[in-house]
């Protein structure tokens, strides 16, 4: 499979098939709390996408060079301090602490930007904007990227794959929260039973949406097979044309 094709499959798989909300069930707090209005939901989804991409880039650099088993920078410092050329560092135990600090820094950057250039959106977010720091989606993405870094990874990821995964994980969250916001705005004009009004009907709709997204299971593997067959078909057609026209 070509390089671009592999990134395309990773993007589609991350955003739609393995959606952060409907597949892994992370990020439910902002998904439920900030999906009342369409414009606010879109702003939150865009902010989460941006923060996830920035945090993933920073976490990949920190993990690859410092925290992963055998990371070059940490291993060099460790050997210099112990004077033992056979020592190998492993600071992966610090991953949670490091990722939380990196996510908090990225969220602070987004908060300052939104407050300066979009004050109305900043007021609409209220407490939910600083709470992006505790959004499970961002930490989950950083931890997933960590699995693909280091000598023990079966499929090592470079910075390119990490960024594609992070961006489309945020894009998948954006799609989920915008769909939910659109449905909830329509619910304002519907006669919902009092026993289901509020979080009750929202969770039911979230379950139905999750079942709908489950219907996309297998699209990634079929797409990968189609991409693999395409170059083979082109090669055989070229060979056949060459045999017919010697």
C-alpha atoms as a PDB file:
ATOM      1  CA  UNK A   1       0.000   0.000   0.000  1.00  0.00           C
ATOM      2  CA  UNK A   2       1.327   3.434  -0.904  1.00  0.00           C
ATOM      3  CA  UNK A   3       2.183   6.054   1.675  1.00  0.00           C
ATOM      4  CA  UNK A   4      -0.753   8.354   0.857  1.00  0.00           C
ATOM      5  CA  UNK A   5      -3.162   5.425   0.764  1.00  0.00           C
ATOM      6  CA  UNK A   6      -2.081   4.237   4.215  1.00  0.00           C
ATOM      7  CA  UNK A   7      -2.637   7.719   5.636  1.00  0.00           C
ATOM      8  CA  UNK A   8      -6.063   7.867   3.952  1.00  0.00           C
ATOM      9  CA  UNK A   9      -7.110   4.554   5.503  1.00  0.00           C
ATOM     10  CA  UNK A  10      -5.853   5.718   8.905  1.00  0.00           C
ATOM     11  CA  UNK A  11      -7.807   8.975   8.595  1.00  0.00           C
ATOM     12  CA  UNK A  12     -11.095   7.330   7.609  1.00  0.00           C
ATOM     13  CA  UNK A  13     -10.722   4.637  10.253  1.00  0.00           C
ATOM     14  CA  UNK A  14     -10.001   7.154  13.008  1.00  0.00           C
ATOM     15  CA  UNK A  15     -12.686   9.704  12.155  1.00  0.00           C
ATOM     16  CA  UNK A  16     -15.619   7.441  11.299  1.00  0.00           C
ATOM     17  CA  UNK A  17     -15.134   3.760  12.103  1.00  0.00           C
ATOM     18  CA  UNK A  18     -13.216   4.073  15.382  1.00  0.00           C
ATOM     19  CA  UNK A  19     -14.909   7.323  16.352  1.00  0.00           C
ATOM     20  CA  UNK A  20     -13.756   8.598  19.734  1.00  0.00           C
ATOM     21  CA  UNK A  21     -17.290   9.120  21.038  1.00  0.00           C
ATOM     22  CA  UNK A  22     -19.281   6.346  19.383  1.00  0.00           C
ATOM     23  CA  UNK A  23     -16.626   3.606  19.397  1.00  0.00           C
ATOM     24  CA  UNK A  24     -14.329   4.239  22.361  1.00  0.00           C
ATOM     25  CA  UNK A  25     -16.909   6.226  24.394  1.00  0.00           C
ATOM     26  CA  UNK A  26     -14.453   8.927  25.489  1.00  0.00           C
ATOM     27  CA  UNK A  27     -15.164  12.644  25.611  1.00  0.00           C
ATOM     28  CA  UNK A  28     -18.769  12.127  26.713  1.00  0.00           C
ATOM     29  CA  UNK A  29     -18.770  15.064  29.157  1.00  0.00           C
ATOM     30  CA  UNK A  30     -18.359  17.830  26.526  1.00  0.00           C
ATOM     31  CA  UNK A  31     -20.317  15.716  24.045  1.00  0.00           C
ATOM     32  CA  UNK A  32     -23.370  15.899  26.302  1.00  0.00           C
ATOM     33  CA  UNK A  33     -22.729  19.274  27.951  1.00  0.00           C
ATOM     34  CA  UNK A  34     -21.830  21.433  24.929  1.00  0.00           C
ATOM     35  CA  UNK A  35     -24.125  19.959  22.288  1.00  0.00           C
ATOM     36  CA  UNK A  36     -27.179  22.081  23.019  1.00  0.00           C
ATOM     37  CA  UNK A  37     -26.480  24.668  20.293  1.00  0.00           C
ATOM     38  CA  UNK A  38     -25.001  23.999  16.869  1.00  0.00           C
ATOM     39  CA  UNK A  39     -22.636  26.994  16.772  1.00  0.00           C
ATOM     40  CA  UNK A  40     -21.248  26.290  20.234  1.00  0.00           C
ATOM     41  CA  UNK A  41     -20.837  22.588  19.413  1.00  0.00           C
ATOM     42  CA  UNK A  42     -18.916  23.405  16.236  1.00  0.00           C
ATOM     43  CA  UNK A  43     -16.641  25.796  18.119  1.00  0.00           C
ATOM     44  CA  UNK A  44     -15.959  23.200  20.809  1.00  0.00           C
ATOM     45  CA  UNK A  45     -15.248  20.501  18.222  1.00  0.00           C
ATOM     46  CA  UNK A  46     -12.855  22.778  16.334  1.00  0.00           C
ATOM     47  CA  UNK A  47     -11.085  23.732  19.562  1.00  0.00           C
ATOM     48  CA  UNK A  48     -10.730  20.076  20.592  1.00  0.00           C
ATOM     49  CA  UNK A  49      -9.381  19.193  17.137  1.00  0.00           C
ATOM     50  CA  UNK A  50      -6.770  21.942  17.334  1.00  0.00           C
ATOM     51  CA  UNK A  51      -5.738  21.090  20.894  1.00  0.00           C
ATOM     52  CA  UNK A  52      -5.571  17.372  20.086  1.00  0.00           C
ATOM     53  CA  UNK A  53      -3.286  17.981  17.106  1.00  0.00           C
ATOM     54  CA  UNK A  54      -0.953  20.297  19.033  1.00  0.00           C
ATOM     55  CA  UNK A  55      -0.861  18.021  22.083  1.00  0.00           C
ATOM     56  CA  UNK A  56      -0.225  14.955  19.909  1.00  0.00           C
ATOM     57  CA  UNK A  57       2.714  16.636  18.177  1.00  0.00           C
ATOM     58  CA  UNK A  58       4.246  17.659  21.506  1.00  0.00           C
ATOM     59  CA  UNK A  59       3.601  14.248  23.073  1.00  0.00           C
ATOM     60  CA  UNK A  60       5.139  12.421  20.095  1.00  0.00           C
ATOM     61  CA  UNK A  61       8.320  14.499  20.352  1.00  0.00           C
ATOM     62  CA  UNK A  62       8.498  14.044  24.138  1.00  0.00           C
ATOM     63  CA  UNK A  63       7.817  10.316  23.920  1.00  0.00           C
ATOM     64  CA  UNK A  64      10.136   9.578  20.998  1.00  0.00           C
ATOM     65  CA  UNK A  65      13.124  11.497  22.315  1.00  0.00           C
ATOM     66  CA  UNK A  66      12.673  11.249  26.104  1.00  0.00           C
ATOM     67  CA  UNK A  67      10.085   8.847  27.524  1.00  0.00           C
ATOM     68  CA  UNK A  68       9.952   5.782  25.263  1.00  0.00           C
ATOM     69  CA  UNK A  69      12.138   2.756  26.136  1.00  0.00           C
ATOM     70  CA  UNK A  70      15.518   3.421  24.564  1.00  0.00           C
ATOM     71  CA  UNK A  71      14.681   7.048  23.702  1.00  0.00           C
ATOM     72  CA  UNK A  72      17.847   8.622  22.267  1.00  0.00           C
ATOM     73  CA  UNK A  73      18.031  11.797  24.356  1.00  0.00           C
ATOM     74  CA  UNK A  74      17.143  10.192  27.690  1.00  0.00           C
ATOM     75  CA  UNK A  75      19.413   7.210  27.038  1.00  0.00           C
ATOM     76  CA  UNK A  76      22.324   9.491  26.193  1.00  0.00           C
ATOM     77  CA  UNK A  77      21.843  11.479  29.403  1.00  0.00           C
ATOM     78  CA  UNK A  78      21.416   8.302  31.440  1.00  0.00           C
ATOM     79  CA  UNK A  79      24.620   6.793  30.073  1.00  0.00           C
ATOM     80  CA  UNK A  80      26.476  10.052  30.617  1.00  0.00           C
ATOM     81  CA  UNK A  81      25.374  10.151  34.254  1.00  0.00           C
ATOM     82  CA  UNK A  82      26.020   6.475  35.039  1.00  0.00           C
ATOM     83  CA  UNK A  83      29.105   6.063  32.815  1.00  0.00           C
ATOM     84  CA  UNK A  84      27.644   2.765  31.604  1.00  0.00           C
ATOM     85  CA  UNK A  85      27.306   2.489  27.800  1.00  0.00           C
ATOM     86  CA  UNK A  86      24.903  -0.464  28.104  1.00  0.00           C
ATOM     87  CA  UNK A  87      22.211   1.376  30.086  1.00  0.00           C
ATOM     88  CA  UNK A  88      18.861   2.018  28.383  1.00  0.00           C
ATOM     89  CA  UNK A  89      16.365   4.531  29.767  1.00  0.00           C
ATOM     90  CA  UNK A  90      12.624   3.972  30.147  1.00  0.00           C
ATOM     91  CA  UNK A  91      10.624   6.969  31.378  1.00  0.00           C
ATOM     92  CA  UNK A  92       7.256   5.793  30.064  1.00  0.00           C
ATOM     93  CA  UNK A  93       5.967   5.738  33.647  1.00  0.00           C
ATOM     94  CA  UNK A  94       5.939   9.564  33.464  1.00  0.00           C
ATOM     95  CA  UNK A  95       3.734   9.614  30.361  1.00  0.00           C
ATOM     96  CA  UNK A  96       0.478  10.523  32.126  1.00  0.00           C
ATOM     97  CA  UNK A  97       2.037  13.428  34.008  1.00  0.00           C
ATOM     98  CA  UNK A  98       3.869  14.727  30.945  1.00  0.00           C
ATOM     99  CA  UNK A  99       0.826  14.466  28.686  1.00  0.00           C
ATOM    100  CA  UNK A 100      -1.406  16.298  31.148  1.00  0.00           C
ATOM    101  CA  UNK A 101       1.077  19.183  31.322  1.00  0.00           C
ATOM    102  CA  UNK A 102       1.352  19.330  27.517  1.00  0.00           C
ATOM    103  CA  UNK A 103      -2.434  19.243  27.090  1.00  0.00           C
ATOM    104  CA  UNK A 104      -2.891  21.989  29.690  1.00  0.00           C
ATOM    105  CA  UNK A 105      -0.378  24.177  27.839  1.00  0.00           C
ATOM    106  CA  UNK A 106      -2.163  23.631  24.500  1.00  0.00           C
ATOM    107  CA  UNK A 107      -5.556  24.402  26.062  1.00  0.00           C
ATOM    108  CA  UNK A 108      -4.192  27.611  27.568  1.00  0.00           C
ATOM    109  CA  UNK A 109      -2.965  28.646  24.128  1.00  0.00           C
ATOM    110  CA  UNK A 110      -6.401  28.028  22.597  1.00  0.00           C
ATOM    111  CA  UNK A 111      -8.157  29.830  25.433  1.00  0.00           C
ATOM    112  CA  UNK A 112      -6.041  32.966  24.988  1.00  0.00           C
ATOM    113  CA  UNK A 113      -6.619  32.919  21.219  1.00  0.00           C
ATOM    114  CA  UNK A 114     -10.414  32.487  21.492  1.00  0.00           C
ATOM    115  CA  UNK A 115     -10.693  35.129  24.223  1.00  0.00           C
ATOM    116  CA  UNK A 116      -8.837  37.666  22.087  1.00  0.00           C
ATOM    117  CA  UNK A 117     -10.366  37.068  18.653  1.00  0.00           C
ATOM    118  CA  UNK A 118     -13.772  35.468  19.453  1.00  0.00           C
ATOM    119  CA  UNK A 119     -15.001  36.999  22.740  1.00  0.00           C
ATOM    120  CA  UNK A 120     -18.626  36.015  22.134  1.00  0.00           C
ATOM    121  CA  UNK A 121     -17.647  32.385  21.601  1.00  0.00           C
ATOM    122  CA  UNK A 122     -15.406  32.563  24.669  1.00  0.00           C
ATOM    123  CA  UNK A 123     -18.356  33.718  26.814  1.00  0.00           C
ATOM    124  CA  UNK A 124     -20.590  31.021  25.310  1.00  0.00           C
ATOM    125  CA  UNK A 125     -18.111  28.299  26.218  1.00  0.00           C
ATOM    126  CA  UNK A 126     -17.918  29.430  29.815  1.00  0.00           C
ATOM    127  CA  UNK A 127     -16.325  26.804  32.029  1.00  0.00           C
ATOM    128  CA  UNK A 128     -16.264  24.200  29.261  1.00  0.00           C
ATOM    129  CA  UNK A 129     -13.259  25.731  27.484  1.00  0.00           C
ATOM    130  CA  UNK A 130     -10.795  25.256  30.374  1.00  0.00           C
ATOM    131  CA  UNK A 131     -12.314  21.810  30.885  1.00  0.00           C
ATOM    132  CA  UNK A 132     -10.849  20.735  27.521  1.00  0.00           C
ATOM    133  CA  UNK A 133      -7.771  19.994  29.650  1.00  0.00           C
ATOM    134  CA  UNK A 134      -9.627  17.060  31.169  1.00  0.00           C
ATOM    135  CA  UNK A 135     -11.209  15.932  27.890  1.00  0.00           C
ATOM    136  CA  UNK A 136     -10.595  12.193  27.657  1.00  0.00           C
ATOM    137  CA  UNK A 137     -10.248  12.364  23.869  1.00  0.00           C
ATOM    138  CA  UNK A 138      -6.969  14.281  23.985  1.00  0.00           C
ATOM    139  CA  UNK A 139      -5.321  12.115  26.633  1.00  0.00           C
ATOM    140  CA  UNK A 140      -6.619   8.981  24.915  1.00  0.00           C
ATOM    141  CA  UNK A 141      -5.053  10.058  21.610  1.00  0.00           C
ATOM    142  CA  UNK A 142      -1.703  10.755  23.280  1.00  0.00           C
ATOM    143  CA  UNK A 143      -1.734   7.342  24.959  1.00  0.00           C
ATOM    144  CA  UNK A 144      -2.644   5.598  21.707  1.00  0.00           C
ATOM    145  CA  UNK A 145       0.239   7.321  19.937  1.00  0.00           C
ATOM    146  CA  UNK A 146       2.575   6.186  22.723  1.00  0.00           C
ATOM    147  CA  UNK A 147       1.716   2.547  21.889  1.00  0.00           C
ATOM    148  CA  UNK A 148       3.181   3.036  18.409  1.00  0.00           C
ATOM    149  CA  UNK A 149       6.465   4.593  19.520  1.00  0.00           C
ATOM    150  CA  UNK A 150       9.542   2.749  20.673  1.00  0.00           C
ATOM    151  CA  UNK A 151      11.388  -0.445  19.914  1.00  0.00           C
ATOM    152  CA  UNK A 152       8.532  -2.681  21.056  1.00  0.00           C
ATOM    153  CA  UNK A 153       5.932  -1.206  18.683  1.00  0.00           C
ATOM    154  CA  UNK A 154       4.714  -3.609  15.992  1.00  0.00           C
ATOM    155  CA  UNK A 155       3.873  -0.721  13.642  1.00  0.00           C
ATOM    156  CA  UNK A 156       6.088   2.254  14.591  1.00  0.00           C
ATOM    157  CA  UNK A 157       4.536   5.636  13.831  1.00  0.00           C
ATOM    158  CA  UNK A 158       6.403   8.668  12.700  1.00  0.00           C
ATOM    159  CA  UNK A 159       5.270  12.209  13.389  1.00  0.00           C
ATOM    160  CA  UNK A 160       3.233  12.164  10.164  1.00  0.00           C
ATOM    161  CA  UNK A 161       0.990   9.271  11.206  1.00  0.00           C
ATOM    162  CA  UNK A 162       0.683  10.647  14.732  1.00  0.00           C
ATOM    163  CA  UNK A 163      -0.542  14.002  13.402  1.00  0.00           C
ATOM    164  CA  UNK A 164      -2.989  12.367  10.978  1.00  0.00           C
ATOM    165  CA  UNK A 165      -4.372  10.201  13.766  1.00  0.00           C
ATOM    166  CA  UNK A 166      -4.695  13.150  16.157  1.00  0.00           C
ATOM    167  CA  UNK A 167      -6.295  15.513  13.649  1.00  0.00           C
ATOM    168  CA  UNK A 168      -8.888  13.026  12.441  1.00  0.00           C
ATOM    169  CA  UNK A 169      -9.602  11.873  15.990  1.00  0.00           C
ATOM    170  CA  UNK A 170     -10.542  15.494  16.714  1.00  0.00           C
ATOM    171  CA  UNK A 171     -12.438  15.680  13.429  1.00  0.00           C
ATOM    172  CA  UNK A 172     -14.410  12.591  14.435  1.00  0.00           C
ATOM    173  CA  UNK A 173     -15.289  14.249  17.735  1.00  0.00           C
ATOM    174  CA  UNK A 174     -16.339  17.352  15.779  1.00  0.00           C
ATOM    175  CA  UNK A 175     -18.618  15.276  13.538  1.00  0.00           C
ATOM    176  CA  UNK A 176     -20.177  13.534  16.545  1.00  0.00           C
ATOM    177  CA  UNK A 177     -20.880  16.672  18.569  1.00  0.00           C
ATOM    178  CA  UNK A 178     -22.246  18.607  15.558  1.00  0.00           C
ATOM    179  CA  UNK A 179     -24.625  15.766  14.674  1.00  0.00           C
ATOM    180  CA  UNK A 180     -25.816  15.617  18.272  1.00  0.00           C
ATOM    181  CA  UNK A 181     -26.250  19.411  18.443  1.00  0.00           C
ATOM    182  CA  UNK A 182     -28.341  19.417  15.269  1.00  0.00           C
ATOM    183  CA  UNK A 183     -30.602  16.691  16.649  1.00  0.00           C
ATOM    184  CA  UNK A 184     -30.950  18.400  20.043  1.00  0.00           C
ATOM    185  CA  UNK A 185     -31.952  21.673  18.406  1.00  0.00           C
ATOM    186  CA  UNK A 186     -34.712  19.814  16.586  1.00  0.00           C
ATOM    187  CA  UNK A 187     -35.771  18.193  19.865  1.00  0.00           C
ATOM    188  CA  UNK A 188     -36.635  21.645  21.207  1.00  0.00           C
ATOM    189  CA  UNK A 189     -39.597  21.613  18.832  1.00  0.00           C
ATOM    190  CA  UNK A 190     -40.648  18.058  19.683  1.00  0.00           C
ATOM    191  CA  UNK A 191     -42.927  16.731  22.384  1.00  0.00           C
ATOM    192  CA  UNK A 192     -40.476  14.713  24.474  1.00  0.00           C
ATOM    193  CA  UNK A 193     -41.876  12.891  27.521  1.00  0.00           C
ATOM    194  CA  UNK A 194     -40.894  14.542  30.781  1.00  0.00           C
ATOM    195  CA  UNK A 195     -39.294  11.338  32.052  1.00  0.00           C
ATOM    196  CA  UNK A 196     -36.875  11.391  29.095  1.00  0.00           C
ATOM    197  CA  UNK A 197     -36.282  15.128  28.743  1.00  0.00           C
ATOM    198  CA  UNK A 198     -32.731  16.370  29.142  1.00  0.00           C
ATOM    199  CA  UNK A 199     -29.930  13.821  29.565  1.00  0.00           C
ATOM    200  CA  UNK A 200     -32.290  10.842  29.152  1.00  0.00           C
ATOM    201  CA  UNK A 201     -33.263  11.436  25.520  1.00  0.00           C
ATOM    202  CA  UNK A 202     -29.724  12.643  24.774  1.00  0.00           C
ATOM    203  CA  UNK A 203     -28.187   9.356  25.919  1.00  0.00           C
ATOM    204  CA  UNK A 204     -30.764   7.366  23.965  1.00  0.00           C
ATOM    205  CA  UNK A 205     -29.917   9.327  20.814  1.00  0.00           C
ATOM    206  CA  UNK A 206     -26.202   8.836  21.485  1.00  0.00           C
ATOM    207  CA  UNK A 207     -26.777   5.078  21.666  1.00  0.00           C
ATOM    208  CA  UNK A 208     -28.684   5.092  18.371  1.00  0.00           C
ATOM    209  CA  UNK A 209     -25.923   7.114  16.713  1.00  0.00           C
ATOM    210  CA  UNK A 210     -23.343   4.667  18.058  1.00  0.00           C
ATOM    211  CA  UNK A 211     -25.273   1.793  16.465  1.00  0.00           C
ATOM    212  CA  UNK A 212     -25.422   3.731  13.198  1.00  0.00           C
ATOM    213  CA  UNK A 213     -21.654   4.275  13.175  1.00  0.00           C
ATOM    214  CA  UNK A 214     -21.152   0.555  13.864  1.00  0.00           C
ATOM    215  CA  UNK A 215     -22.530   0.001  10.377  1.00  0.00           C
ATOM    216  CA  UNK A 216     -19.255   1.409   9.016  1.00  0.00           C
ATOM    217  CA  UNK A 217     -17.290  -1.502  10.491  1.00  0.00           C
ATOM    218  CA  UNK A 218     -15.209  -3.183   7.811  1.00  0.00           C
ATOM    219  CA  UNK A 219     -15.057  -0.188   5.490  1.00  0.00           C
ATOM    220  CA  UNK A 220     -11.388   0.365   6.356  1.00  0.00           C
ATOM    221  CA  UNK A 221     -10.329  -3.215   5.540  1.00  0.00           C
ATOM    222  CA  UNK A 222     -12.296  -3.211   2.276  1.00  0.00           C
ATOM    223  CA  UNK A 223     -10.790   0.149   1.344  1.00  0.00           C
ATOM    224  CA  UNK A 224      -7.297  -1.180   2.046  1.00  0.00           C
ATOM    225  CA  UNK A 225      -7.986  -4.214  -0.165  1.00  0.00           C
ATOM    226  CA  UNK A 226      -9.239  -1.989  -2.988  1.00  0.00           C
ATOM    227  CA  UNK A 227      -6.126   0.172  -2.786  1.00  0.00           C
ATOM    228  CA  UNK A 228      -3.868  -2.881  -2.852  1.00  0.00           C
ATOM    229  CA  UNK A 229      -5.675  -4.360  -5.861  1.00  0.00           C
ATOM    230  CA  UNK A 230      -5.557  -1.121  -7.872  1.00  0.00           C
ATOM    231  CA  UNK A 231      -1.766  -1.108  -8.554  1.00  0.00           C
ATOM    232  CA  UNK A 232      -1.863  -4.834  -9.399  1.00  0.00           C
ATOM    233  CA  UNK A 233      -4.690  -4.259 -11.906  1.00  0.00           C
ATOM    234  CA  UNK A 234      -2.810  -1.371 -13.501  1.00  0.00           C
ATOM    235  CA  UNK A 235       0.358  -3.474 -13.797  1.00  0.00           C
ATOM    236  CA  UNK A 236      -1.497  -6.379 -15.423  1.00  0.00           C
ATOM    237  CA  UNK A 237      -3.226  -4.040 -17.893  1.00  0.00           C
ATOM    238  CA  UNK A 238       0.113  -2.516 -18.866  1.00  0.00           C
ATOM    239  CA  UNK A 239       1.613  -5.981 -19.362  1.00  0.00           C
ATOM    240  CA  UNK A 240      -1.362  -7.084 -21.487  1.00  0.00           C
ATOM    241  CA  UNK A 241      -1.106  -3.987 -23.679  1.00  0.00           C
ATOM    242  CA  UNK A 242       2.612  -4.597 -24.097  1.00  0.00           C
ATOM    243  CA  UNK A 243       2.022  -8.192 -25.133  1.00  0.00           C
ATOM    244  CA  UNK A 244      -0.558  -7.157 -27.713  1.00  0.00           C
ATOM    245  CA  UNK A 245       1.691  -4.449 -29.162  1.00  0.00           C
ATOM    246  CA  UNK A 246       5.228  -5.895 -29.335  1.00  0.00           C
END
